[in-house]
Amino acid sequence: MSVRVAGPPRGAPRFDQRLLARRARRLLAALGLPDAELSLALVTDAEIAQLNSAHRGKRGPTDVLSYSLLEGAHAAQRSELLGDVVIALGVAARQARELGHSLNDELLRLMIHGVLHLLGFDHELARDARRMQAKERALWTAVA
């Protein structure tokens, strides 16, 4: 299993990048994906706002975006790469403060959420949201 972490941007809030990579590998193992590859990009709020606008038509920054390689015309050429999870460090830091936990834990929460999106989980419908939240809780317990 392989995890690639791009970033963090200059001036980003401090966190344990090695812990994030270890947790990413444990996450893939907990999902039963020992041969999978994952790309994590840690970006500024401005960068994720641009992606959010370009790919979702929504203004402003969001906390996490996922770009799956398991679907679409390119899926056949993806090898073991699941896709990209992009996390806004500024948003993550604010959410960590609001939720009363560490930035390292917020990054894990967002990574789990993003990886589940790569695997086809969604939360648009209430029943899908409940299913995704249950999976997130189980993965948190397995990885944290």
N, C-alpha and C. Protein backbone atom coordinates (compact mmCIF):
# COMPACT_ATOMS: atom_id res chain seq x y z
N MET A 1 0.85 -1.17 0.00
CA MET A 1 0.00 0.00 0.00
C MET A 1 0.89 1.22 0.00
N SER A 2 0.41 2.23 -0.67
CA SER A 2 1.21 3.43 -0.85
C SER A 2 0.35 4.66 -0.57
N VAL A 3 0.92 5.60 0.15
CA VAL A 3 0.25 6.86 0.44
C VAL A 3 1.19 7.98 0.03
N ARG A 4 0.69 8.88 -0.78
CA ARG A 4 1.47 10.05 -1.19
C ARG A 4 0.82 11.29 -0.60
N VAL A 5 1.62 12.08 0.11
CA VAL A 5 1.11 13.30 0.72
C VAL A 5 1.80 14.48 0.05
N ALA A 6 0.99 15.36 -0.55
CA ALA A 6 1.50 16.60 -1.15
C ALA A 6 1.15 17.75 -0.22
N GLY A 7 2.12 18.63 -0.01
CA GLY A 7 1.89 19.74 0.89
C GLY A 7 2.58 19.43 2.21
N PRO A 8 2.37 20.15 3.21
CA PRO A 8 1.41 21.25 3.34
C PRO A 8 1.96 22.55 2.74
N PRO A 9 1.07 23.50 2.48
CA PRO A 9 1.53 24.78 1.95
C PRO A 9 2.31 25.56 3.00
N ARG A 10 3.11 26.47 2.54
CA ARG A 10 3.89 27.32 3.44
C ARG A 10 2.97 28.10 4.37
N GLY A 11 3.32 28.14 5.64
CA GLY A 11 2.53 28.88 6.62
C GLY A 11 1.31 28.12 7.14
N ALA A 12 1.19 26.86 6.79
CA ALA A 12 0.03 26.07 7.22
C ALA A 12 0.10 25.76 8.71
N PRO A 13 -1.05 25.51 9.32
CA PRO A 13 -1.05 25.10 10.73
C PRO A 13 -0.22 23.84 10.91
N ARG A 14 0.36 23.69 12.08
CA ARG A 14 1.24 22.54 12.35
C ARG A 14 0.43 21.30 12.67
N PHE A 15 0.91 20.16 12.14
CA PHE A 15 0.32 18.85 12.41
C PHE A 15 1.40 17.82 12.18
N ASP A 16 1.13 16.58 12.55
CA ASP A 16 2.09 15.50 12.41
C ASP A 16 1.88 14.78 11.08
N GLN A 17 2.70 15.13 10.09
CA GLN A 17 2.54 14.58 8.75
C GLN A 17 2.82 13.08 8.73
N ARG A 18 3.77 12.62 9.51
CA ARG A 18 4.06 11.17 9.57
C ARG A 18 2.89 10.40 10.17
N LEU A 19 2.26 10.97 11.20
CA LEU A 19 1.08 10.35 11.79
C LEU A 19 -0.04 10.25 10.76
N LEU A 20 -0.24 11.30 9.99
CA LEU A 20 -1.27 11.29 8.95
C LEU A 20 -1.01 10.17 7.94
N ALA A 21 0.23 10.02 7.50
CA ALA A 21 0.57 8.96 6.54
C ALA A 21 0.37 7.58 7.16
N ARG A 22 0.77 7.41 8.42
CA ARG A 22 0.55 6.11 9.10
C ARG A 22 -0.93 5.80 9.21
N ARG A 23 -1.70 6.80 9.59
CA ARG A 23 -3.15 6.60 9.70
C ARG A 23 -3.76 6.29 8.34
N ALA A 24 -3.26 6.89 7.29
CA ALA A 24 -3.77 6.61 5.94
C ALA A 24 -3.52 5.15 5.58
N ARG A 25 -2.33 4.65 5.90
CA ARG A 25 -2.03 3.24 5.62
C ARG A 25 -2.92 2.32 6.45
N ARG A 26 -3.14 2.68 7.73
CA ARG A 26 -4.04 1.87 8.57
C ARG A 26 -5.47 1.93 8.05
N LEU A 27 -5.87 3.06 7.53
CA LEU A 27 -7.21 3.20 6.95
C LEU A 27 -7.38 2.26 5.76
N LEU A 28 -6.40 2.25 4.87
CA LEU A 28 -6.48 1.35 3.71
C LEU A 28 -6.52 -0.11 4.15
N ALA A 29 -5.74 -0.45 5.16
CA ALA A 29 -5.75 -1.81 5.68
C ALA A 29 -7.11 -2.15 6.28
N ALA A 30 -7.68 -1.22 7.05
CA ALA A 30 -8.99 -1.46 7.68
C ALA A 30 -10.09 -1.62 6.64
N LEU A 31 -9.90 -1.00 5.48
CA LEU A 31 -10.87 -1.13 4.40
C LEU A 31 -10.64 -2.38 3.56
N GLY A 32 -9.60 -3.15 3.90
CA GLY A 32 -9.31 -4.35 3.13
C GLY A 32 -8.70 -4.05 1.77
N LEU A 33 -7.92 -2.98 1.71
CA LEU A 33 -7.31 -2.54 0.46
C LEU A 33 -5.79 -2.49 0.60
N PRO A 34 -5.15 -3.62 0.87
CA PRO A 34 -3.71 -3.61 1.15
C PRO A 34 -2.83 -3.21 -0.04
N ASP A 35 -3.34 -3.32 -1.25
CA ASP A 35 -2.55 -2.96 -2.43
C ASP A 35 -2.89 -1.58 -2.98
N ALA A 36 -3.81 -0.90 -2.35
CA ALA A 36 -4.28 0.39 -2.86
C ALA A 36 -3.24 1.49 -2.69
N GLU A 37 -3.38 2.50 -3.52
CA GLU A 37 -2.58 3.72 -3.43
C GLU A 37 -3.53 4.87 -3.19
N LEU A 38 -3.10 5.82 -2.37
CA LEU A 38 -3.91 6.98 -2.04
C LEU A 38 -3.06 8.23 -2.17
N SER A 39 -3.64 9.24 -2.76
CA SER A 39 -2.99 10.54 -2.87
C SER A 39 -3.73 11.53 -1.98
N LEU A 40 -2.99 12.16 -1.06
CA LEU A 40 -3.54 13.20 -0.19
C LEU A 40 -2.88 14.52 -0.56
N ALA A 41 -3.68 15.54 -0.77
CA ALA A 41 -3.15 16.87 -1.04
C ALA A 41 -3.64 17.81 0.06
N LEU A 42 -2.71 18.46 0.73
CA LEU A 42 -3.02 19.40 1.80
C LEU A 42 -2.80 20.80 1.24
N VAL A 43 -3.89 21.56 1.15
CA VAL A 43 -3.86 22.82 0.41
C VAL A 43 -4.38 23.98 1.25
N THR A 44 -4.23 25.18 0.70
CA THR A 44 -4.76 26.38 1.35
C THR A 44 -6.27 26.47 1.11
N ASP A 45 -6.91 27.31 1.89
CA ASP A 45 -8.34 27.55 1.70
C ASP A 45 -8.61 28.14 0.32
N ALA A 46 -7.72 29.02 -0.16
CA ALA A 46 -7.90 29.62 -1.48
C ALA A 46 -7.82 28.56 -2.58
N GLU A 47 -6.89 27.63 -2.44
CA GLU A 47 -6.75 26.58 -3.45
C GLU A 47 -7.98 25.68 -3.49
N ILE A 48 -8.49 25.30 -2.33
CA ILE A 48 -9.66 24.42 -2.33
C ILE A 48 -10.90 25.18 -2.79
N ALA A 49 -10.96 26.48 -2.52
CA ALA A 49 -12.09 27.29 -3.01
C ALA A 49 -12.11 27.30 -4.53
N GLN A 50 -10.94 27.38 -5.17
CA GLN A 50 -10.87 27.33 -6.63
C GLN A 50 -11.35 25.98 -7.14
N LEU A 51 -10.91 24.90 -6.50
CA LEU A 51 -11.36 23.56 -6.91
C LEU A 51 -12.86 23.39 -6.69
N ASN A 52 -13.35 23.88 -5.57
CA ASN A 52 -14.77 23.78 -5.25
C ASN A 52 -15.61 24.50 -6.29
N SER A 53 -15.15 25.65 -6.73
CA SER A 53 -15.85 26.41 -7.76
C SER A 53 -15.79 25.71 -9.11
N ALA A 54 -14.59 25.26 -9.47
CA ALA A 54 -14.40 24.65 -10.80
C ALA A 54 -15.11 23.32 -10.94
N HIS A 55 -15.13 22.52 -9.88
CA HIS A 55 -15.64 21.15 -10.00
C HIS A 55 -17.02 20.93 -9.41
N ARG A 56 -17.46 21.84 -8.53
CA ARG A 56 -18.77 21.65 -7.91
C ARG A 56 -19.68 22.86 -8.12
N GLY A 57 -19.13 23.93 -8.68
CA GLY A 57 -19.93 25.13 -8.89
C GLY A 57 -20.33 25.83 -7.61
N LYS A 58 -19.56 25.62 -6.53
CA LYS A 58 -19.87 26.23 -5.24
C LYS A 58 -18.79 27.22 -4.87
N ARG A 59 -19.22 28.34 -4.31
CA ARG A 59 -18.27 29.38 -3.91
C ARG A 59 -17.68 29.11 -2.55
N GLY A 60 -16.44 29.51 -2.38
CA GLY A 60 -15.78 29.45 -1.09
C GLY A 60 -15.12 28.11 -0.82
N PRO A 61 -14.36 28.09 0.27
CA PRO A 61 -13.64 26.86 0.61
C PRO A 61 -14.56 25.82 1.25
N THR A 62 -14.21 24.58 1.06
CA THR A 62 -14.84 23.47 1.75
C THR A 62 -13.73 22.74 2.50
N ASP A 63 -14.07 21.77 3.31
CA ASP A 63 -13.03 21.10 4.09
C ASP A 63 -12.30 20.02 3.31
N VAL A 64 -13.03 19.22 2.52
CA VAL A 64 -12.41 18.10 1.81
C VAL A 64 -13.12 17.88 0.48
N LEU A 65 -12.33 17.56 -0.52
CA LEU A 65 -12.84 17.16 -1.83
C LEU A 65 -12.20 15.83 -2.21
N SER A 66 -12.95 15.02 -2.92
CA SER A 66 -12.45 13.71 -3.35
C SER A 66 -12.60 13.57 -4.86
N TYR A 67 -11.56 13.04 -5.48
CA TYR A 67 -11.55 12.81 -6.91
C TYR A 67 -11.24 11.33 -7.14
N SER A 68 -12.30 10.56 -7.34
CA SER A 68 -12.15 9.11 -7.44
C SER A 68 -11.66 8.69 -8.82
N LEU A 69 -10.81 7.69 -8.83
CA LEU A 69 -10.38 7.08 -10.08
C LEU A 69 -11.04 5.71 -10.26
N LEU A 70 -12.03 5.41 -9.45
CA LEU A 70 -12.73 4.13 -9.57
C LEU A 70 -13.87 4.18 -10.56
N GLU A 71 -14.19 5.38 -11.03
CA GLU A 71 -15.28 5.52 -11.98
C GLU A 71 -14.87 6.45 -13.11
N GLY A 72 -15.60 6.41 -14.18
CA GLY A 72 -15.32 7.28 -15.31
C GLY A 72 -14.44 6.60 -16.35
N ALA A 73 -14.19 7.31 -17.43
CA ALA A 73 -13.46 6.77 -18.58
C ALA A 73 -12.03 6.38 -18.24
N HIS A 74 -11.43 7.01 -17.26
CA HIS A 74 -10.04 6.77 -16.90
C HIS A 74 -9.86 5.61 -15.93
N ALA A 75 -10.94 5.03 -15.44
CA ALA A 75 -10.86 4.01 -14.39
C ALA A 75 -10.02 2.80 -14.81
N ALA A 76 -10.06 2.43 -16.07
CA ALA A 76 -9.33 1.25 -16.53
C ALA A 76 -7.81 1.45 -16.47
N GLN A 77 -7.33 2.69 -16.49
CA GLN A 77 -5.90 2.96 -16.49
C GLN A 77 -5.36 3.33 -15.11
N ARG A 78 -6.14 3.23 -14.07
CA ARG A 78 -5.77 3.78 -12.77
C ARG A 78 -4.76 2.95 -11.99
N SER A 79 -4.52 1.72 -12.34
CA SER A 79 -3.72 0.76 -11.55
C SER A 79 -4.35 0.64 -10.17
N GLU A 80 -3.58 0.79 -9.10
CA GLU A 80 -4.12 0.63 -7.74
C GLU A 80 -4.49 1.96 -7.09
N LEU A 81 -4.33 3.06 -7.82
CA LEU A 81 -4.61 4.38 -7.26
C LEU A 81 -6.11 4.59 -7.12
N LEU A 82 -6.57 4.82 -5.89
CA LEU A 82 -7.99 5.06 -5.62
C LEU A 82 -8.41 6.44 -6.10
N GLY A 83 -7.54 7.41 -5.96
CA GLY A 83 -7.86 8.78 -6.34
C GLY A 83 -7.16 9.76 -5.41
N ASP A 84 -7.67 10.98 -5.43
CA ASP A 84 -7.08 12.07 -4.65
C ASP A 84 -8.06 12.57 -3.61
N VAL A 85 -7.56 12.77 -2.40
CA VAL A 85 -8.32 13.44 -1.35
C VAL A 85 -7.60 14.76 -1.08
N VAL A 86 -8.34 15.86 -1.23
CA VAL A 86 -7.78 17.20 -1.06
C VAL A 86 -8.38 17.80 0.20
N ILE A 87 -7.52 18.23 1.12
CA ILE A 87 -7.97 18.77 2.41
C ILE A 87 -7.46 20.19 2.57
N ALA A 88 -8.36 21.10 2.94
CA ALA A 88 -7.99 22.49 3.22
C ALA A 88 -7.53 22.59 4.67
N LEU A 89 -6.27 22.90 4.86
CA LEU A 89 -5.73 22.93 6.22
C LEU A 89 -6.31 24.05 7.08
N GLY A 90 -6.58 25.19 6.49
CA GLY A 90 -7.18 26.28 7.27
C GLY A 90 -8.57 25.92 7.77
N VAL A 91 -9.38 25.36 6.88
CA VAL A 91 -10.73 24.94 7.27
C VAL A 91 -10.63 23.85 8.33
N ALA A 92 -9.73 22.89 8.11
CA ALA A 92 -9.56 21.79 9.07
C ALA A 92 -9.16 22.32 10.45
N ALA A 93 -8.26 23.29 10.49
CA ALA A 93 -7.82 23.86 11.77
C ALA A 93 -8.97 24.55 12.49
N ARG A 94 -9.79 25.30 11.75
CA ARG A 94 -10.94 25.97 12.37
C ARG A 94 -11.95 24.95 12.89
N GLN A 95 -12.20 23.92 12.11
CA GLN A 95 -13.15 22.89 12.54
C GLN A 95 -12.63 22.15 13.76
N ALA A 96 -11.35 21.88 13.81
CA ALA A 96 -10.76 21.21 14.98
C ALA A 96 -11.00 22.04 16.23
N ARG A 97 -10.77 23.36 16.14
CA ARG A 97 -11.01 24.23 17.29
C ARG A 97 -12.48 24.21 17.69
N GLU A 98 -13.38 24.32 16.69
CA GLU A 98 -14.82 24.34 16.97
C GLU A 98 -15.29 23.03 17.60
N LEU A 99 -14.72 21.90 17.17
CA LEU A 99 -15.13 20.60 17.67
C LEU A 99 -14.38 20.18 18.93
N GLY A 100 -13.35 20.95 19.28
CA GLY A 100 -12.62 20.69 20.52
C GLY A 100 -11.68 19.50 20.45
N HIS A 101 -11.11 19.26 19.26
CA HIS A 101 -10.10 18.20 19.19
C HIS A 101 -8.90 18.70 18.39
N SER A 102 -7.88 17.86 18.30
CA SER A 102 -6.64 18.27 17.66
C SER A 102 -6.77 18.34 16.14
N LEU A 103 -5.86 19.08 15.53
CA LEU A 103 -5.82 19.14 14.07
C LEU A 103 -5.51 17.75 13.51
N ASN A 104 -4.64 17.00 14.18
CA ASN A 104 -4.34 15.63 13.71
C ASN A 104 -5.61 14.79 13.64
N ASP A 105 -6.48 14.91 14.64
CA ASP A 105 -7.73 14.14 14.63
C ASP A 105 -8.70 14.66 13.58
N GLU A 106 -8.74 15.96 13.37
CA GLU A 106 -9.62 16.50 12.32
C GLU A 106 -9.14 16.04 10.94
N LEU A 107 -7.84 16.00 10.73
CA LEU A 107 -7.32 15.52 9.45
C LEU A 107 -7.70 14.05 9.24
N LEU A 108 -7.65 13.26 10.30
CA LEU A 108 -8.09 11.86 10.18
C LEU A 108 -9.56 11.79 9.83
N ARG A 109 -10.38 12.58 10.50
CA ARG A 109 -11.83 12.58 10.23
C ARG A 109 -12.10 12.94 8.77
N LEU A 110 -11.42 13.96 8.27
CA LEU A 110 -11.63 14.39 6.89
C LEU A 110 -11.07 13.37 5.90
N MET A 111 -9.96 12.76 6.24
CA MET A 111 -9.39 11.73 5.35
C MET A 111 -10.33 10.55 5.24
N ILE A 112 -10.87 10.09 6.36
CA ILE A 112 -11.82 8.97 6.33
C ILE A 112 -13.01 9.34 5.45
N HIS A 113 -13.55 10.52 5.66
CA HIS A 113 -14.70 10.98 4.88
C HIS A 113 -14.36 11.01 3.38
N GLY A 114 -13.21 11.59 3.07
CA GLY A 114 -12.80 11.70 1.67
C GLY A 114 -12.56 10.35 1.02
N VAL A 115 -11.92 9.43 1.73
CA VAL A 115 -11.66 8.11 1.17
C VAL A 115 -12.97 7.36 0.94
N LEU A 116 -13.92 7.50 1.85
CA LEU A 116 -15.21 6.85 1.63
C LEU A 116 -15.89 7.39 0.38
N HIS A 117 -15.75 8.69 0.12
CA HIS A 117 -16.28 9.23 -1.14
C HIS A 117 -15.56 8.59 -2.34
N LEU A 118 -14.25 8.38 -2.23
CA LEU A 118 -13.53 7.72 -3.33
C LEU A 118 -14.12 6.35 -3.61
N LEU A 119 -14.59 5.69 -2.58
CA LEU A 119 -15.11 4.33 -2.70
C LEU A 119 -16.60 4.28 -3.04
N GLY A 120 -17.19 5.45 -3.27
CA GLY A 120 -18.58 5.48 -3.72
C GLY A 120 -19.61 5.81 -2.65
N PHE A 121 -19.19 6.05 -1.42
CA PHE A 121 -20.13 6.44 -0.38
C PHE A 121 -20.58 7.89 -0.63
N ASP A 122 -21.80 8.18 -0.23
CA ASP A 122 -22.33 9.52 -0.39
C ASP A 122 -23.26 9.84 0.77
N HIS A 123 -23.67 11.09 0.88
CA HIS A 123 -24.55 11.49 1.97
C HIS A 123 -25.64 12.43 1.51
N GLU A 124 -26.00 12.34 0.24
CA GLU A 124 -27.07 13.19 -0.28
C GLU A 124 -28.44 12.79 0.27
N LEU A 125 -28.70 11.49 0.34
CA LEU A 125 -29.96 10.99 0.89
C LEU A 125 -29.74 10.59 2.35
N ALA A 126 -30.77 10.71 3.17
CA ALA A 126 -30.66 10.43 4.61
C ALA A 126 -30.16 9.02 4.87
N ARG A 127 -30.66 8.03 4.15
CA ARG A 127 -30.23 6.65 4.40
C ARG A 127 -28.77 6.46 4.02
N ASP A 128 -28.33 7.12 2.94
CA ASP A 128 -26.92 7.04 2.55
C ASP A 128 -26.04 7.74 3.57
N ALA A 129 -26.52 8.85 4.11
CA ALA A 129 -25.75 9.58 5.13
C ALA A 129 -25.58 8.72 6.38
N ARG A 130 -26.66 8.04 6.80
CA ARG A 130 -26.56 7.17 7.98
C ARG A 130 -25.55 6.04 7.73
N ARG A 131 -25.59 5.45 6.55
CA ARG A 131 -24.67 4.37 6.20
C ARG A 131 -23.22 4.88 6.21
N MET A 132 -23.01 6.06 5.63
CA MET A 132 -21.67 6.63 5.58
C MET A 132 -21.17 6.98 6.98
N GLN A 133 -22.02 7.58 7.80
CA GLN A 133 -21.63 7.94 9.16
C GLN A 133 -21.28 6.71 9.99
N ALA A 134 -22.02 5.64 9.82
CA ALA A 134 -21.72 4.40 10.55
C ALA A 134 -20.36 3.86 10.13
N LYS A 135 -20.08 3.91 8.84
CA LYS A 135 -18.78 3.44 8.34
C LYS A 135 -17.66 4.34 8.85
N GLU A 136 -17.89 5.65 8.88
CA GLU A 136 -16.90 6.58 9.40
C GLU A 136 -16.58 6.27 10.87
N ARG A 137 -17.59 6.02 11.67
CA ARG A 137 -17.36 5.71 13.09
C ARG A 137 -16.57 4.41 13.24
N ALA A 138 -16.91 3.39 12.47
CA ALA A 138 -16.20 2.13 12.55
C ALA A 138 -14.74 2.29 12.15
N LEU A 139 -14.50 3.05 11.09
CA LEU A 139 -13.13 3.28 10.64
C LEU A 139 -12.35 4.12 11.65
N TRP A 140 -12.99 5.10 12.26
CA TRP A 140 -12.32 5.90 13.28
C TRP A 140 -11.81 5.00 14.40
N THR A 141 -12.68 4.11 14.83
CA THR A 141 -12.31 3.18 15.91
C THR A 141 -11.13 2.29 15.50
N ALA A 142 -11.13 1.86 14.25
CA ALA A 142 -10.07 0.97 13.76
C ALA A 142 -8.74 1.70 13.54
N VAL A 143 -8.78 2.99 13.25
CA VAL A 143 -7.58 3.71 12.81
C VAL A 143 -7.00 4.64 13.85
N ALA A 144 -7.83 5.31 14.63
CA ALA A 144 -7.36 6.37 15.55
C ALA A 144 -6.42 5.85 16.62
